[in-house]
Amino acid sequence: MGRFWSLLFLSVPILGVAVFAYAAVSETGLMANHWFPEDISEHGHVIDKLFLFILALTGIIFVGTGLVLFVFLWKYDADKTNGQPVAFVHGSHVLEVVWSILPAATLFFIAIYQMDAWATAKMRRPMAADGKTHKPPTAEVTGRQFEWRIRYPGPDGVLGNRDDLFTVNDLHIPVDEEIVLSVKSEDVLHSFFLPNLRVKQDVVPGMQQYVWFKPLREGYYDIVCAELCGWGHYKMKGRVTVESASKFKSWLTQLESEQNQAAYEPVVASEEE
């Protein structure tokens, strides 16, 4: 019975890692896109590469600890001890130092390895055409319970003016262009997540942050909140429409026309009337 349990415990990490590895590399079939949805971003492969590296590293460690567990279960099976009581052995200081240093070294290595991914996603904000200033945001996204409010600059091209254009849960962006979004929260902690673009940014009330990406494929994709933000968290989702630059401009023009029609301009009566 002891050997059965030891083999069972050994099979769990091996089969588990095998399934995980197959899902990570499978491009067709049931396990296709199991870990991530389709990547449509120019820099998304950097995030995917980091994820797969950490998956492989932790998988190897998982299998290794499973093997150690198997060896101990097999070696110290009750049938092999002949009913003798287990002898107490004091802990090894050398072993404790080793298993403290190894995880620390592993984490330090991961910290160094992920620096390029972090810099690409969080530090190398695109520059404007002059090469001296940062590119202005294509739109501003504000999270609130439980929706994403989106604001585009109006005809003057500057956010924060009276001619700004507004939508809710409907983000349009042009394909093959570097997109910069300003993101913030109105009430509680949210997390702006574009799975297909490999973008995820926590948004904190009182802070304005930026995300950037370059979409390479037209289509409709999800906006979700990846942070539990209240009872309506499950329905806090929207849609990203990636389209050609001409369609994007036409959509902005139509949005401007709709908002102008909906605007109320009070009529002031003249003195003669």
Protein backbone atom coordinates (compact mmCIF):
# COMPACT_ATOMS: atom_id res chain seq x y z
CA MET A 1 0.00 0.00 0.00
CA GLY A 2 2.84 2.38 0.80
CA ARG A 3 4.38 1.79 -2.61
CA PHE A 4 1.02 2.43 -4.27
CA TRP A 5 0.70 5.79 -2.54
CA SER A 6 4.28 6.71 -3.38
CA LEU A 7 3.69 5.96 -7.07
CA LEU A 8 0.43 7.89 -6.98
CA PHE A 9 2.12 10.96 -5.47
CA LEU A 10 4.87 10.70 -8.09
CA SER A 11 2.38 10.56 -10.96
CA VAL A 12 0.63 13.80 -9.91
CA PRO A 13 3.51 16.22 -10.62
CA ILE A 14 4.65 14.34 -13.72
CA LEU A 15 1.22 14.16 -15.36
CA GLY A 16 0.35 17.66 -14.19
CA VAL A 17 3.45 19.22 -15.71
CA ALA A 18 3.03 17.16 -18.89
CA VAL A 19 -0.51 18.49 -19.38
CA PHE A 20 0.61 22.05 -18.61
CA ALA A 21 3.50 21.81 -21.06
CA TYR A 22 1.27 20.38 -23.80
CA ALA A 23 -1.28 23.15 -23.28
CA ALA A 24 1.46 25.77 -23.47
CA VAL A 25 2.72 24.67 -26.90
CA SER A 26 -0.48 23.32 -28.46
CA GLU A 27 -1.76 25.44 -31.36
CA THR A 28 -4.73 23.26 -32.33
CA GLY A 29 -7.20 20.98 -30.61
CA LEU A 30 -8.84 21.10 -27.20
CA MET A 31 -5.86 22.68 -25.42
CA ALA A 32 -5.18 25.41 -28.00
CA ASN A 33 -4.91 28.88 -26.43
CA HIS A 34 -5.44 27.30 -23.02
CA TRP A 35 -3.09 29.60 -21.14
CA PHE A 36 -3.59 32.76 -23.16
CA PRO A 37 -6.06 33.87 -25.82
CA GLU A 38 -4.83 34.84 -29.26
CA ASP A 39 -2.00 37.37 -29.15
CA ILE A 40 -2.61 40.35 -31.45
CA SER A 41 0.02 42.67 -29.97
CA GLU A 42 3.47 43.47 -31.32
CA HIS A 43 5.06 43.04 -27.89
CA GLY A 44 2.80 40.28 -26.57
CA HIS A 45 5.37 37.57 -27.28
CA VAL A 46 7.63 39.10 -24.60
CA ILE A 47 4.96 38.48 -21.95
CA ASP A 48 4.24 34.99 -23.28
CA LYS A 49 7.92 34.07 -23.30
CA LEU A 50 8.30 35.17 -19.68
CA PHE A 51 5.21 33.22 -18.67
CA LEU A 52 6.39 30.02 -20.36
CA PHE A 53 9.85 30.37 -18.84
CA ILE A 54 8.43 30.68 -15.31
CA LEU A 55 6.05 27.79 -16.04
CA ALA A 56 8.96 25.58 -17.11
CA LEU A 57 11.12 26.60 -14.16
CA THR A 58 8.43 26.02 -11.55
CA GLY A 59 7.44 22.80 -13.33
CA ILE A 60 10.95 21.41 -12.98
CA ILE A 61 11.00 22.35 -9.28
CA PHE A 62 7.55 20.80 -8.83
CA VAL A 63 8.67 17.51 -10.38
CA GLY A 64 11.90 17.58 -8.33
CA THR A 65 10.08 17.99 -5.02
CA GLY A 66 7.65 15.27 -6.12
CA LEU A 67 10.58 12.92 -6.74
CA VAL A 68 12.00 13.68 -3.29
CA LEU A 69 8.61 12.93 -1.75
CA PHE A 70 8.45 9.68 -3.72
CA VAL A 71 11.92 8.60 -2.54
CA PHE A 72 11.05 9.19 1.10
CA LEU A 73 7.71 7.41 0.82
CA TRP A 74 9.40 4.46 -0.85
CA LYS A 75 12.48 4.32 1.36
CA TYR A 76 10.65 4.65 4.67
CA ASP A 77 7.73 2.40 3.86
CA ALA A 78 6.30 0.89 7.05
CA ASP A 79 6.81 -2.62 5.64
CA LYS A 80 10.57 -1.99 5.51
CA THR A 81 10.98 -0.74 9.05
CA ASN A 82 10.04 -4.11 10.63
CA GLY A 83 7.91 -2.37 13.19
CA GLN A 84 10.85 -0.45 14.65
CA PRO A 85 10.15 3.08 15.89
CA VAL A 86 11.44 5.94 13.79
CA ALA A 87 14.68 7.44 15.12
CA PHE A 88 14.70 11.19 15.75
CA VAL A 89 17.31 13.13 13.78
CA HIS A 90 18.12 16.77 14.53
CA GLY A 91 17.77 19.23 11.64
CA SER A 92 20.74 19.97 9.42
CA HIS A 93 21.93 23.59 9.41
CA VAL A 94 23.66 23.03 6.08
CA LEU A 95 20.45 21.74 4.51
CA GLU A 96 18.46 24.67 5.91
CA VAL A 97 20.97 27.13 4.46
CA VAL A 98 20.86 25.37 1.08
CA TRP A 99 17.08 25.35 0.77
CA SER A 100 16.97 29.00 1.81
CA ILE A 101 19.64 30.12 -0.67
CA LEU A 102 18.27 28.17 -3.66
CA PRO A 103 14.79 29.80 -3.68
CA ALA A 104 16.34 33.21 -3.08
CA ALA A 105 18.76 32.70 -5.99
CA THR A 106 15.90 31.49 -8.20
CA LEU A 107 13.78 34.55 -7.43
CA PHE A 108 16.76 36.83 -8.02
CA PHE A 109 17.37 35.19 -11.40
CA ILE A 110 13.70 35.64 -12.37
CA ALA A 111 13.91 39.30 -11.31
CA ILE A 112 16.85 39.81 -13.67
CA TYR A 113 15.34 37.73 -16.47
CA GLN A 114 12.06 39.66 -16.52
CA MET A 115 13.62 43.14 -16.69
CA ASP A 116 13.19 43.40 -20.47
CA ALA A 117 9.51 42.42 -20.27
CA TRP A 118 8.93 44.91 -17.46
CA ALA A 119 10.71 47.71 -19.30
CA THR A 120 8.77 47.01 -22.51
CA ALA A 121 5.39 46.99 -20.78
CA LYS A 122 5.91 49.55 -18.02
CA MET A 123 8.82 51.89 -18.73
CA ARG A 124 9.42 52.42 -22.47
CA ARG A 125 6.47 54.67 -23.14
CA PRO A 126 6.28 55.62 -26.85
CA MET A 127 7.64 59.00 -27.83
CA ALA A 128 5.96 61.64 -29.97
CA ALA A 129 7.12 62.44 -33.48
CA ASP A 130 9.53 65.08 -32.15
CA GLY A 131 11.36 62.41 -30.15
CA LYS A 132 11.49 64.67 -27.10
CA THR A 133 8.07 64.27 -25.48
CA HIS A 134 5.87 61.26 -24.79
CA LYS A 135 3.13 60.43 -27.24
CA PRO A 136 -0.21 61.84 -26.01
CA PRO A 137 -2.90 59.34 -25.04
CA THR A 138 -5.19 58.05 -27.76
CA ALA A 139 -7.93 57.88 -25.14
CA GLU A 140 -8.53 58.03 -21.40
CA VAL A 141 -10.10 55.04 -19.64
CA THR A 142 -11.73 55.46 -16.23
CA GLY A 143 -12.87 52.47 -14.22
CA ARG A 144 -15.89 52.82 -11.96
CA GLN A 145 -18.34 50.40 -10.41
CA PHE A 146 -19.11 48.70 -12.74
CA GLU A 147 -18.11 49.98 -16.17
CA TRP A 148 -15.27 51.45 -18.20
CA ARG A 149 -15.79 55.09 -19.18
CA ILE A 150 -13.74 56.08 -22.23
CA ARG A 151 -12.93 59.61 -23.37
CA TYR A 152 -11.34 60.66 -26.66
CA PRO A 153 -9.90 64.07 -27.49
CA GLY A 154 -12.18 66.14 -29.70
CA PRO A 155 -11.26 68.03 -32.88
CA ASP A 156 -8.59 70.01 -31.02
CA GLY A 157 -6.72 66.78 -30.26
CA VAL A 158 -6.36 67.59 -26.56
CA LEU A 159 -7.97 65.64 -23.73
CA GLY A 160 -9.81 67.52 -21.02
CA ASN A 161 -11.64 70.09 -23.11
CA ARG A 162 -15.33 70.61 -23.78
CA ASP A 163 -15.16 68.98 -27.21
CA ASP A 164 -14.05 65.60 -25.80
CA LEU A 165 -15.92 62.50 -27.03
CA PHE A 166 -17.31 59.87 -24.66
CA THR A 167 -18.25 56.19 -24.79
CA VAL A 168 -18.89 53.47 -22.21
CA ASN A 169 -17.39 49.98 -22.50
CA ASP A 170 -16.61 50.59 -26.18
CA LEU A 171 -12.96 51.23 -27.04
CA HIS A 172 -12.00 51.79 -30.68
CA ILE A 173 -8.34 51.87 -31.75
CA PRO A 174 -6.57 51.87 -35.13
CA VAL A 175 -4.56 48.83 -36.19
CA ASP A 176 -0.79 48.94 -36.75
CA GLU A 177 -0.36 52.07 -34.65
CA GLU A 178 1.29 52.55 -31.26
CA ILE A 179 -1.58 53.16 -28.84
CA VAL A 180 -1.21 54.97 -25.53
CA LEU A 181 -4.06 54.91 -23.01
CA SER A 182 -4.35 56.94 -19.85
CA VAL A 183 -6.05 54.81 -17.18
CA LYS A 184 -7.43 55.72 -13.77
CA SER A 185 -10.15 54.80 -11.27
CA GLU A 186 -13.05 56.87 -10.00
CA ASP A 187 -13.91 54.89 -6.88
CA VAL A 188 -12.15 51.64 -5.91
CA LEU A 189 -9.22 49.51 -7.07
CA HIS A 190 -9.82 48.11 -10.56
CA SER A 191 -7.54 46.30 -13.00
CA PHE A 192 -7.70 47.24 -16.68
CA PHE A 193 -7.08 44.00 -18.59
CA LEU A 194 -6.86 43.47 -22.35
CA PRO A 195 -6.06 39.73 -22.62
CA ASN A 196 -5.46 39.66 -26.38
CA LEU A 197 -3.09 42.62 -26.15
CA ARG A 198 -1.25 41.32 -23.07
CA VAL A 199 -2.02 44.52 -21.14
CA LYS A 200 -2.95 44.52 -17.47
CA GLN A 201 -2.75 47.57 -15.24
CA ASP A 202 -4.14 48.08 -11.74
CA VAL A 203 -5.85 51.45 -11.49
CA VAL A 204 -5.89 53.16 -8.11
CA PRO A 205 -8.14 56.10 -7.15
CA GLY A 206 -6.16 59.33 -7.26
CA MET A 207 -3.46 57.98 -9.61
CA GLN A 208 -3.15 58.30 -13.37
CA GLN A 209 -1.17 55.65 -15.18
CA TYR A 210 -0.42 54.76 -18.78
CA VAL A 211 -0.42 51.60 -20.86
CA TRP A 212 0.73 51.18 -24.43
CA PHE A 213 0.63 48.53 -27.13
CA LYS A 214 0.52 48.08 -30.90
CA PRO A 215 -2.35 45.95 -32.24
CA LEU A 216 -1.53 43.96 -35.37
CA ARG A 217 -4.89 42.44 -36.24
CA GLU A 218 -8.36 43.85 -36.73
CA GLY A 219 -11.30 42.39 -34.84
CA TYR A 220 -13.33 42.52 -31.66
CA TYR A 221 -11.73 41.69 -28.31
CA ASP A 222 -12.51 41.86 -24.60
CA ILE A 223 -11.98 44.47 -21.92
CA VAL A 224 -12.28 42.95 -18.45
CA CYS A 225 -11.60 43.91 -14.86
CA ALA A 226 -9.04 41.60 -13.28
CA GLU A 227 -9.52 42.88 -9.72
CA LEU A 228 -12.41 42.03 -7.43
CA CYS A 229 -14.08 45.43 -7.16
CA GLY A 230 -17.52 44.73 -5.69
CA TRP A 231 -20.70 42.79 -6.24
CA GLY A 232 -20.89 43.77 -9.93
CA HIS A 233 -17.30 42.84 -10.75
CA TYR A 234 -18.41 39.92 -12.93
CA LYS A 235 -20.22 42.23 -15.37
CA MET A 236 -17.54 44.91 -15.64
CA LYS A 237 -16.53 44.19 -19.19
CA GLY A 238 -16.34 45.96 -22.50
CA ARG A 239 -15.24 45.57 -26.08
CA VAL A 240 -12.14 46.62 -28.00
CA THR A 241 -12.63 47.22 -31.70
CA VAL A 242 -9.39 47.17 -33.67
CA GLU A 243 -9.97 48.65 -37.12
CA SER A 244 -8.23 50.47 -39.93
CA ALA A 245 -7.20 54.08 -39.45
CA SER A 246 -9.85 55.27 -41.93
CA LYS A 247 -12.64 53.39 -40.14
CA PHE A 248 -11.40 54.71 -36.81
CA LYS A 249 -11.54 58.31 -38.04
CA SER A 250 -15.01 57.73 -39.49
CA TRP A 251 -16.17 56.30 -36.19
CA LEU A 252 -14.83 59.36 -34.29
CA THR A 253 -16.60 61.66 -36.76
CA GLN A 254 -19.87 59.79 -36.28
CA LEU A 255 -19.45 59.88 -32.49
CA GLU A 256 -18.86 63.62 -32.62
CA SER A 257 -21.97 64.10 -34.74
CA GLU A 258 -24.11 62.04 -32.36
CA GLN A 259 -22.90 63.96 -29.33
CA ASN A 260 -23.49 67.30 -31.01
CA GLN A 261 -27.03 66.28 -31.86
CA ALA A 262 -27.64 65.17 -28.28
CA ALA A 263 -26.20 68.37 -26.80
CA TYR A 264 -28.74 70.80 -25.36
CA GLU A 265 -28.27 74.44 -26.20
CA PRO A 266 -30.72 76.64 -24.26
CA VAL A 267 -32.49 79.29 -26.30
CA VAL A 268 -32.35 82.71 -24.68
CA ALA A 269 -35.41 84.84 -25.40
CA SER A 270 -34.73 88.30 -26.81
CA GLU A 271 -35.98 91.45 -25.11
CA GLU A 272 -38.44 92.10 -27.97
CA GLU A 273 -40.06 88.69 -27.38
